[in-house]
């Protein structure tokens, strides 16, 4: 009898110890999961702040491009709108670059000579394509690459504008390009000069606005989600 009682007591102690270890292990897992969830929440908040900064910056690009075009309208075909559209596309992607270019043109047409009209659609398309083209620039593109894409975007704009002008002034395609040649040259040269500033301005905006950290946040968030989901499955 005495031997049986000792065996029972020993078995009870073992069960209690194993239960304690199990509970401690679950508590540790739960604490780790909570910490990781808090870290994920913090990263999500940081990403939301970055998105807010992004939208505010895009709005400022639209206004700056429109205002610059209005102030420079006395200089034929010289405008900073292409610069801001391409910068937007380079920083935040092709679609947003297109929207900045088209929106800035539409806004500026309320205040420039000639204003709004059937030609607005062609102009908006041309500047939108310039912003879209900015999205093709590599993350660490140099001046030569920026200059090349800018020249291509400017020539595309001029082709769209000259072809669309035939609807209003049926002079023939050759005459349209011939008459527009001085404006084309002024546009290409001025935009080329502006494009040389693109790498430095982009680098400055990324550093001060911390937009270069966006990819890091996304990678960390995906990693944390994977770890949290794995732990939840193991606990279940």
C-alpha atoms as a PDB file:
ATOM      1  CA  UNK A   1       0.000   0.000   0.000  1.00  0.00           C
ATOM      2  CA  UNK A   2       2.741   2.448   1.005  1.00  0.00           C
ATOM      3  CA  UNK A   3       4.609   1.755  -2.224  1.00  0.00           C
ATOM      4  CA  UNK A   4       1.501   2.420  -4.309  1.00  0.00           C
ATOM      5  CA  UNK A   5       0.897   5.744  -2.547  1.00  0.00           C
ATOM      6  CA  UNK A   6       4.470   6.851  -3.221  1.00  0.00           C
ATOM      7  CA  UNK A   7       4.069   5.940  -6.887  1.00  0.00           C
ATOM      8  CA  UNK A   8       0.822   7.948  -7.111  1.00  0.00           C
ATOM      9  CA  UNK A   9       2.431  11.013  -5.499  1.00  0.00           C
ATOM     10  CA  UNK A  10       5.392  10.786  -7.854  1.00  0.00           C
ATOM     11  CA  UNK A  11       3.022  10.558 -10.840  1.00  0.00           C
ATOM     12  CA  UNK A  12       1.059  13.628  -9.629  1.00  0.00           C
ATOM     13  CA  UNK A  13       4.275  15.654  -9.282  1.00  0.00           C
ATOM     14  CA  UNK A  14       5.361  14.666 -12.806  1.00  0.00           C
ATOM     15  CA  UNK A  15       1.962  15.673 -14.248  1.00  0.00           C
ATOM     16  CA  UNK A  16       2.081  19.067 -12.478  1.00  0.00           C
ATOM     17  CA  UNK A  17       5.641  19.749 -13.684  1.00  0.00           C
ATOM     18  CA  UNK A  18       4.812  18.811 -17.277  1.00  0.00           C
ATOM     19  CA  UNK A  19       1.649  20.932 -17.173  1.00  0.00           C
ATOM     20  CA  UNK A  20       3.648  23.879 -15.828  1.00  0.00           C
ATOM     21  CA  UNK A  21       6.257  23.556 -18.606  1.00  0.00           C
ATOM     22  CA  UNK A  22       3.451  23.338 -21.196  1.00  0.00           C
ATOM     23  CA  UNK A  23       1.715  26.448 -19.831  1.00  0.00           C
ATOM     24  CA  UNK A  24       5.002  28.366 -19.698  1.00  0.00           C
ATOM     25  CA  UNK A  25       5.699  27.381 -23.309  1.00  0.00           C
ATOM     26  CA  UNK A  26       2.245  28.575 -24.428  1.00  0.00           C
ATOM     27  CA  UNK A  27       2.708  31.847 -22.498  1.00  0.00           C
ATOM     28  CA  UNK A  28       6.065  32.409 -24.187  1.00  0.00           C
ATOM     29  CA  UNK A  29       4.567  31.738 -27.617  1.00  0.00           C
ATOM     30  CA  UNK A  30       1.650  34.060 -26.873  1.00  0.00           C
ATOM     31  CA  UNK A  31       3.946  36.861 -25.688  1.00  0.00           C
ATOM     32  CA  UNK A  32       6.104  36.521 -28.805  1.00  0.00           C
ATOM     33  CA  UNK A  33       3.015  36.583 -31.014  1.00  0.00           C
ATOM     34  CA  UNK A  34       1.701  39.707 -29.262  1.00  0.00           C
ATOM     35  CA  UNK A  35       5.058  41.450 -29.696  1.00  0.00           C
ATOM     36  CA  UNK A  36       5.149  40.567 -33.388  1.00  0.00           C
ATOM     37  CA  UNK A  37       1.573  41.797 -33.853  1.00  0.00           C
ATOM     38  CA  UNK A  38       2.476  45.095 -32.183  1.00  0.00           C
ATOM     39  CA  UNK A  39       5.525  45.391 -34.456  1.00  0.00           C
ATOM     40  CA  UNK A  40       3.305  44.697 -37.485  1.00  0.00           C
ATOM     41  CA  UNK A  41       0.845  47.360 -36.343  1.00  0.00           C
ATOM     42  CA  UNK A  42       3.685  49.887 -35.945  1.00  0.00           C
ATOM     43  CA  UNK A  43       4.943  49.157 -39.457  1.00  0.00           C
ATOM     44  CA  UNK A  44       1.418  49.550 -40.859  1.00  0.00           C
ATOM     45  CA  UNK A  45       1.136  52.976 -39.198  1.00  0.00           C
ATOM     46  CA  UNK A  46       4.487  54.016 -40.657  1.00  0.00           C
ATOM     47  CA  UNK A  47       3.370  52.878 -44.096  1.00  0.00           C
ATOM     48  CA  UNK A  48       0.153  54.895 -43.760  1.00  0.00           C
ATOM     49  CA  UNK A  49       2.194  57.996 -42.898  1.00  0.00           C
ATOM     50  CA  UNK A  50       4.356  57.420 -45.966  1.00  0.00           C
ATOM     51  CA  UNK A  51       1.239  57.152 -48.152  1.00  0.00           C
ATOM     52  CA  UNK A  52      -0.112  60.398 -46.689  1.00  0.00           C
ATOM     53  CA  UNK A  53       3.202  62.141 -47.451  1.00  0.00           C
ATOM     54  CA  UNK A  54       3.098  60.662 -50.939  1.00  0.00           C
ATOM     55  CA  UNK A  55      -0.368  62.077 -51.713  1.00  0.00           C
ATOM     56  CA  UNK A  56       0.549  65.486 -50.293  1.00  0.00           C
ATOM     57  CA  UNK A  57       3.710  65.523 -52.398  1.00  0.00           C
ATOM     58  CA  UNK A  58       1.795  64.530 -55.540  1.00  0.00           C
ATOM     59  CA  UNK A  59      -0.667  67.378 -54.970  1.00  0.00           C
ATOM     60  CA  UNK A  60       2.243  69.795 -54.535  1.00  0.00           C
ATOM     61  CA  UNK A  61       3.749  68.519 -57.813  1.00  0.00           C
ATOM     62  CA  UNK A  62       0.469  69.185 -59.629  1.00  0.00           C
ATOM     63  CA  UNK A  63       0.280  72.724 -58.237  1.00  0.00           C
ATOM     64  CA  UNK A  64       3.994  73.457 -58.807  1.00  0.00           C
ATOM     65  CA  UNK A  65       3.854  72.209 -62.396  1.00  0.00           C
ATOM     66  CA  UNK A  66       0.728  74.248 -63.157  1.00  0.00           C
ATOM     67  CA  UNK A  67       2.062  77.392 -61.467  1.00  0.00           C
ATOM     68  CA  UNK A  68       5.412  77.098 -63.228  1.00  0.00           C
ATOM     69  CA  UNK A  69       3.715  76.743 -66.604  1.00  0.00           C
ATOM     70  CA  UNK A  70       1.592  79.828 -65.937  1.00  0.00           C
ATOM     71  CA  UNK A  71       4.616  81.911 -64.900  1.00  0.00           C
ATOM     72  CA  UNK A  72       6.667  80.752 -67.900  1.00  0.00           C
ATOM     73  CA  UNK A  73       3.987  81.131 -70.568  1.00  0.00           C
ATOM     74  CA  UNK A  74       5.799  84.177 -72.014  1.00  0.00           C
ATOM     75  CA  UNK A  75       8.623  81.788 -73.012  1.00  0.00           C
ATOM     76  CA  UNK A  76       7.395  79.644 -75.942  1.00  0.00           C
ATOM     77  CA  UNK A  77       7.367  75.912 -75.164  1.00  0.00           C
ATOM     78  CA  UNK A  78       9.331  76.344 -71.914  1.00  0.00           C
ATOM     79  CA  UNK A  79       7.567  74.704 -68.982  1.00  0.00           C
ATOM     80  CA  UNK A  80       8.478  72.749 -65.804  1.00  0.00           C
ATOM     81  CA  UNK A  81       5.379  70.565 -66.029  1.00  0.00           C
ATOM     82  CA  UNK A  82       7.209  67.723 -67.796  1.00  0.00           C
ATOM     83  CA  UNK A  83       9.838  67.772 -65.048  1.00  0.00           C
ATOM     84  CA  UNK A  84       7.292  67.346 -62.227  1.00  0.00           C
ATOM     85  CA  UNK A  85       5.308  64.732 -64.159  1.00  0.00           C
ATOM     86  CA  UNK A  86       8.421  62.629 -64.796  1.00  0.00           C
ATOM     87  CA  UNK A  87       9.613  63.058 -61.204  1.00  0.00           C
ATOM     88  CA  UNK A  88       6.232  61.757 -59.995  1.00  0.00           C
ATOM     89  CA  UNK A  89       6.424  58.754 -62.301  1.00  0.00           C
ATOM     90  CA  UNK A  90       9.969  58.000 -61.207  1.00  0.00           C
ATOM     91  CA  UNK A  91       9.176  58.263 -57.495  1.00  0.00           C
ATOM     92  CA  UNK A  92       5.714  56.717 -57.323  1.00  0.00           C
ATOM     93  CA  UNK A  93       5.092  54.783 -60.525  1.00  0.00           C
ATOM     94  CA  UNK A  94       3.785  55.200 -64.062  1.00  0.00           C
ATOM     95  CA  UNK A  95       0.082  55.605 -63.237  1.00  0.00           C
ATOM     96  CA  UNK A  96       0.650  58.394 -60.712  1.00  0.00           C
ATOM     97  CA  UNK A  97       3.087  60.092 -63.067  1.00  0.00           C
ATOM     98  CA  UNK A  98       0.421  60.106 -65.775  1.00  0.00           C
ATOM     99  CA  UNK A  99      -2.172  61.544 -63.374  1.00  0.00           C
ATOM    100  CA  UNK A 100       0.169  64.334 -62.229  1.00  0.00           C
ATOM    101  CA  UNK A 101       1.025  65.316 -65.821  1.00  0.00           C
ATOM    102  CA  UNK A 102      -2.576  65.346 -67.039  1.00  0.00           C
ATOM    103  CA  UNK A 103      -3.978  67.023 -63.895  1.00  0.00           C
ATOM    104  CA  UNK A 104      -1.315  69.737 -63.842  1.00  0.00           C
ATOM    105  CA  UNK A 105      -1.975  70.569 -67.494  1.00  0.00           C
ATOM    106  CA  UNK A 106      -5.727  70.759 -66.948  1.00  0.00           C
ATOM    107  CA  UNK A 107      -5.277  73.029 -63.918  1.00  0.00           C
ATOM    108  CA  UNK A 108      -2.822  75.358 -65.665  1.00  0.00           C
ATOM    109  CA  UNK A 109      -5.081  75.749 -68.721  1.00  0.00           C
ATOM    110  CA  UNK A 110      -7.471  77.814 -66.618  1.00  0.00           C
ATOM    111  CA  UNK A 111      -4.788  80.502 -66.276  1.00  0.00           C
ATOM    112  CA  UNK A 112      -2.760  80.458 -69.526  1.00  0.00           C
ATOM    113  CA  UNK A 113      -3.412  82.147 -72.861  1.00  0.00           C
ATOM    114  CA  UNK A 114      -5.680  79.931 -74.965  1.00  0.00           C
ATOM    115  CA  UNK A 115      -7.199  78.265 -71.919  1.00  0.00           C
ATOM    116  CA  UNK A 116      -9.350  75.166 -72.165  1.00  0.00           C
ATOM    117  CA  UNK A 117     -10.547  73.822 -75.483  1.00  0.00           C
ATOM    118  CA  UNK A 118     -10.614  70.730 -77.714  1.00  0.00           C
ATOM    119  CA  UNK A 119      -6.789  70.822 -77.662  1.00  0.00           C
ATOM    120  CA  UNK A 120      -6.788  70.189 -73.906  1.00  0.00           C
ATOM    121  CA  UNK A 121      -7.270  66.455 -74.450  1.00  0.00           C
ATOM    122  CA  UNK A 122      -4.159  66.192 -76.668  1.00  0.00           C
ATOM    123  CA  UNK A 123      -2.113  68.317 -74.255  1.00  0.00           C
ATOM    124  CA  UNK A 124      -3.228  66.287 -71.233  1.00  0.00           C
ATOM    125  CA  UNK A 125      -2.408  63.048 -73.057  1.00  0.00           C
ATOM    126  CA  UNK A 126       1.043  64.342 -74.001  1.00  0.00           C
ATOM    127  CA  UNK A 127       1.976  65.465 -70.480  1.00  0.00           C
ATOM    128  CA  UNK A 128       0.416  62.314 -69.023  1.00  0.00           C
ATOM    129  CA  UNK A 129       2.637  60.189 -71.251  1.00  0.00           C
ATOM    130  CA  UNK A 130       5.647  62.193 -70.021  1.00  0.00           C
ATOM    131  CA  UNK A 131       4.748  61.281 -66.430  1.00  0.00           C
ATOM    132  CA  UNK A 132       4.164  57.671 -67.468  1.00  0.00           C
ATOM    133  CA  UNK A 133       7.592  57.622 -69.134  1.00  0.00           C
ATOM    134  CA  UNK A 134       9.177  58.711 -65.845  1.00  0.00           C
ATOM    135  CA  UNK A 135       8.142  55.357 -64.414  1.00  0.00           C
ATOM    136  CA  UNK A 136      10.537  53.608 -66.802  1.00  0.00           C
ATOM    137  CA  UNK A 137      13.562  55.210 -65.160  1.00  0.00           C
ATOM    138  CA  UNK A 138      15.585  52.819 -63.027  1.00  0.00           C
ATOM    139  CA  UNK A 139      15.825  53.491 -59.291  1.00  0.00           C
ATOM    140  CA  UNK A 140      19.390  54.764 -59.572  1.00  0.00           C
ATOM    141  CA  UNK A 141      19.222  56.234 -63.065  1.00  0.00           C
ATOM    142  CA  UNK A 142      21.921  58.751 -63.979  1.00  0.00           C
ATOM    143  CA  UNK A 143      21.675  62.039 -65.866  1.00  0.00           C
ATOM    144  CA  UNK A 144      22.131  60.457 -69.316  1.00  0.00           C
ATOM    145  CA  UNK A 145      19.203  58.067 -68.787  1.00  0.00           C
ATOM    146  CA  UNK A 146      17.015  60.903 -67.459  1.00  0.00           C
ATOM    147  CA  UNK A 147      17.949  63.077 -70.442  1.00  0.00           C
ATOM    148  CA  UNK A 148      17.194  60.273 -72.925  1.00  0.00           C
ATOM    149  CA  UNK A 149      13.746  59.484 -71.487  1.00  0.00           C
ATOM    150  CA  UNK A 150      12.925  63.211 -71.259  1.00  0.00           C
ATOM    151  CA  UNK A 151      13.815  63.812 -74.906  1.00  0.00           C
ATOM    152  CA  UNK A 152      11.703  60.819 -75.994  1.00  0.00           C
ATOM    153  CA  UNK A 153       8.765  62.012 -73.871  1.00  0.00           C
ATOM    154  CA  UNK A 154       9.062  65.580 -75.242  1.00  0.00           C
ATOM    155  CA  UNK A 155       9.187  64.389 -78.869  1.00  0.00           C
ATOM    156  CA  UNK A 156       6.140  62.186 -78.203  1.00  0.00           C
ATOM    157  CA  UNK A 157       4.302  65.209 -76.789  1.00  0.00           C
ATOM    158  CA  UNK A 158       5.173  67.317 -79.851  1.00  0.00           C
ATOM    159  CA  UNK A 159       4.045  64.582 -82.258  1.00  0.00           C
ATOM    160  CA  UNK A 160       0.703  64.246 -80.462  1.00  0.00           C
ATOM    161  CA  UNK A 161       0.231  68.026 -80.437  1.00  0.00           C
ATOM    162  CA  UNK A 162       1.182  68.546 -84.101  1.00  0.00           C
ATOM    163  CA  UNK A 163      -0.981  65.682 -85.348  1.00  0.00           C
ATOM    164  CA  UNK A 164      -3.970  66.849 -83.291  1.00  0.00           C
ATOM    165  CA  UNK A 165      -3.540  70.419 -84.618  1.00  0.00           C
ATOM    166  CA  UNK A 166      -4.480  69.156 -88.085  1.00  0.00           C
ATOM    167  CA  UNK A 167      -8.062  68.831 -86.818  1.00  0.00           C
ATOM    168  CA  UNK A 168      -8.223  72.601 -86.202  1.00  0.00           C
ATOM    169  CA  UNK A 169      -5.738  73.860 -88.832  1.00  0.00           C
ATOM    170  CA  UNK A 170      -5.715  71.521 -91.861  1.00  0.00           C
ATOM    171  CA  UNK A 171      -2.322  72.587 -93.245  1.00  0.00           C
ATOM    172  CA  UNK A 172      -0.969  69.118 -93.936  1.00  0.00           C
ATOM    173  CA  UNK A 173       1.244  66.944 -91.750  1.00  0.00           C
ATOM    174  CA  UNK A 174       4.544  68.175 -93.248  1.00  0.00           C
ATOM    175  CA  UNK A 175       3.637  71.855 -92.844  1.00  0.00           C
ATOM    176  CA  UNK A 176       2.405  71.243 -89.295  1.00  0.00           C
ATOM    177  CA  UNK A 177       5.776  69.809 -88.237  1.00  0.00           C
ATOM    178  CA  UNK A 178       7.687  72.459 -90.152  1.00  0.00           C
ATOM    179  CA  UNK A 179       5.808  75.316 -88.477  1.00  0.00           C
ATOM    180  CA  UNK A 180       6.193  73.640 -85.097  1.00  0.00           C
ATOM    181  CA  UNK A 181       9.943  72.997 -85.462  1.00  0.00           C
ATOM    182  CA  UNK A 182      11.140  76.124 -83.538  1.00  0.00           C
ATOM    183  CA  UNK A 183       8.787  75.301 -80.673  1.00  0.00           C
ATOM    184  CA  UNK A 184       9.926  71.660 -80.726  1.00  0.00           C
ATOM    185  CA  UNK A 185      13.585  72.663 -80.435  1.00  0.00           C
ATOM    186  CA  UNK A 186      12.884  75.094 -77.586  1.00  0.00           C
ATOM    187  CA  UNK A 187      10.827  72.420 -75.815  1.00  0.00           C
ATOM    188  CA  UNK A 188      13.478  69.694 -76.167  1.00  0.00           C
ATOM    189  CA  UNK A 189      16.350  71.946 -75.040  1.00  0.00           C
ATOM    190  CA  UNK A 190      14.518  73.401 -72.018  1.00  0.00           C
ATOM    191  CA  UNK A 191      13.184  70.023 -70.874  1.00  0.00           C
ATOM    192  CA  UNK A 192      16.640  68.525 -71.365  1.00  0.00           C
ATOM    193  CA  UNK A 193      18.119  71.152 -69.033  1.00  0.00           C
ATOM    194  CA  UNK A 194      15.406  70.517 -66.417  1.00  0.00           C
ATOM    195  CA  UNK A 195      15.978  66.743 -66.665  1.00  0.00           C
ATOM    196  CA  UNK A 196      19.579  67.100 -65.450  1.00  0.00           C
ATOM    197  CA  UNK A 197      18.182  68.050 -62.031  1.00  0.00           C
ATOM    198  CA  UNK A 198      16.004  64.924 -61.746  1.00  0.00           C
ATOM    199  CA  UNK A 199      18.529  62.561 -60.044  1.00  0.00           C
ATOM    200  CA  UNK A 200      19.498  65.021 -57.291  1.00  0.00           C
ATOM    201  CA  UNK A 201      15.913  66.130 -56.613  1.00  0.00           C
ATOM    202  CA  UNK A 202      14.694  62.525 -56.450  1.00  0.00           C
ATOM    203  CA  UNK A 203      17.495  61.533 -54.080  1.00  0.00           C
ATOM    204  CA  UNK A 204      16.779  64.515 -51.816  1.00  0.00           C
ATOM    205  CA  UNK A 205      13.018  63.791 -51.681  1.00  0.00           C
ATOM    206  CA  UNK A 206      13.574  60.102 -50.895  1.00  0.00           C
ATOM    207  CA  UNK A 207      15.975  60.871 -48.051  1.00  0.00           C
ATOM    208  CA  UNK A 208      13.976  63.678 -46.446  1.00  0.00           C
ATOM    209  CA  UNK A 209      10.601  61.991 -46.936  1.00  0.00           C
ATOM    210  CA  UNK A 210      11.908  58.472 -46.123  1.00  0.00           C
ATOM    211  CA  UNK A 211      10.199  57.133 -49.267  1.00  0.00           C
ATOM    212  CA  UNK A 212      13.193  54.843 -49.846  1.00  0.00           C
ATOM    213  CA  UNK A 213      12.119  52.933 -46.691  1.00  0.00           C
ATOM    214  CA  UNK A 214       8.797  51.840 -48.205  1.00  0.00           C
ATOM    215  CA  UNK A 215      10.187  48.596 -49.656  1.00  0.00           C
ATOM    216  CA  UNK A 216      11.864  47.774 -46.339  1.00  0.00           C
ATOM    217  CA  UNK A 217       8.579  48.216 -44.451  1.00  0.00           C
ATOM    218  CA  UNK A 218       6.721  45.991 -46.917  1.00  0.00           C
ATOM    219  CA  UNK A 219       9.334  43.211 -46.655  1.00  0.00           C
ATOM    220  CA  UNK A 220       9.285  43.321 -42.845  1.00  0.00           C
ATOM    221  CA  UNK A 221       5.472  43.276 -42.797  1.00  0.00           C
ATOM    222  CA  UNK A 222       5.328  40.223 -45.066  1.00  0.00           C
ATOM    223  CA  UNK A 223       7.924  38.460 -42.909  1.00  0.00           C
ATOM    224  CA  UNK A 224       6.026  39.228 -39.683  1.00  0.00           C
ATOM    225  CA  UNK A 225       2.707  38.089 -41.172  1.00  0.00           C
ATOM    226  CA  UNK A 226       4.300  34.801 -42.206  1.00  0.00           C
ATOM    227  CA  UNK A 227       5.776  34.226 -38.730  1.00  0.00           C
ATOM    228  CA  UNK A 228       2.530  35.112 -36.943  1.00  0.00           C
ATOM    229  CA  UNK A 229       0.457  32.829 -39.181  1.00  0.00           C
ATOM    230  CA  UNK A 230       2.955  29.988 -38.683  1.00  0.00           C
ATOM    231  CA  UNK A 231       2.824  30.339 -34.873  1.00  0.00           C
ATOM    232  CA  UNK A 232      -0.977  30.467 -34.840  1.00  0.00           C
ATOM    233  CA  UNK A 233      -1.112  27.239 -36.866  1.00  0.00           C
ATOM    234  CA  UNK A 234       1.391  25.555 -34.536  1.00  0.00           C
ATOM    235  CA  UNK A 235      -0.567  26.644 -31.450  1.00  0.00           C
ATOM    236  CA  UNK A 236      -3.786  25.308 -32.980  1.00  0.00           C
END
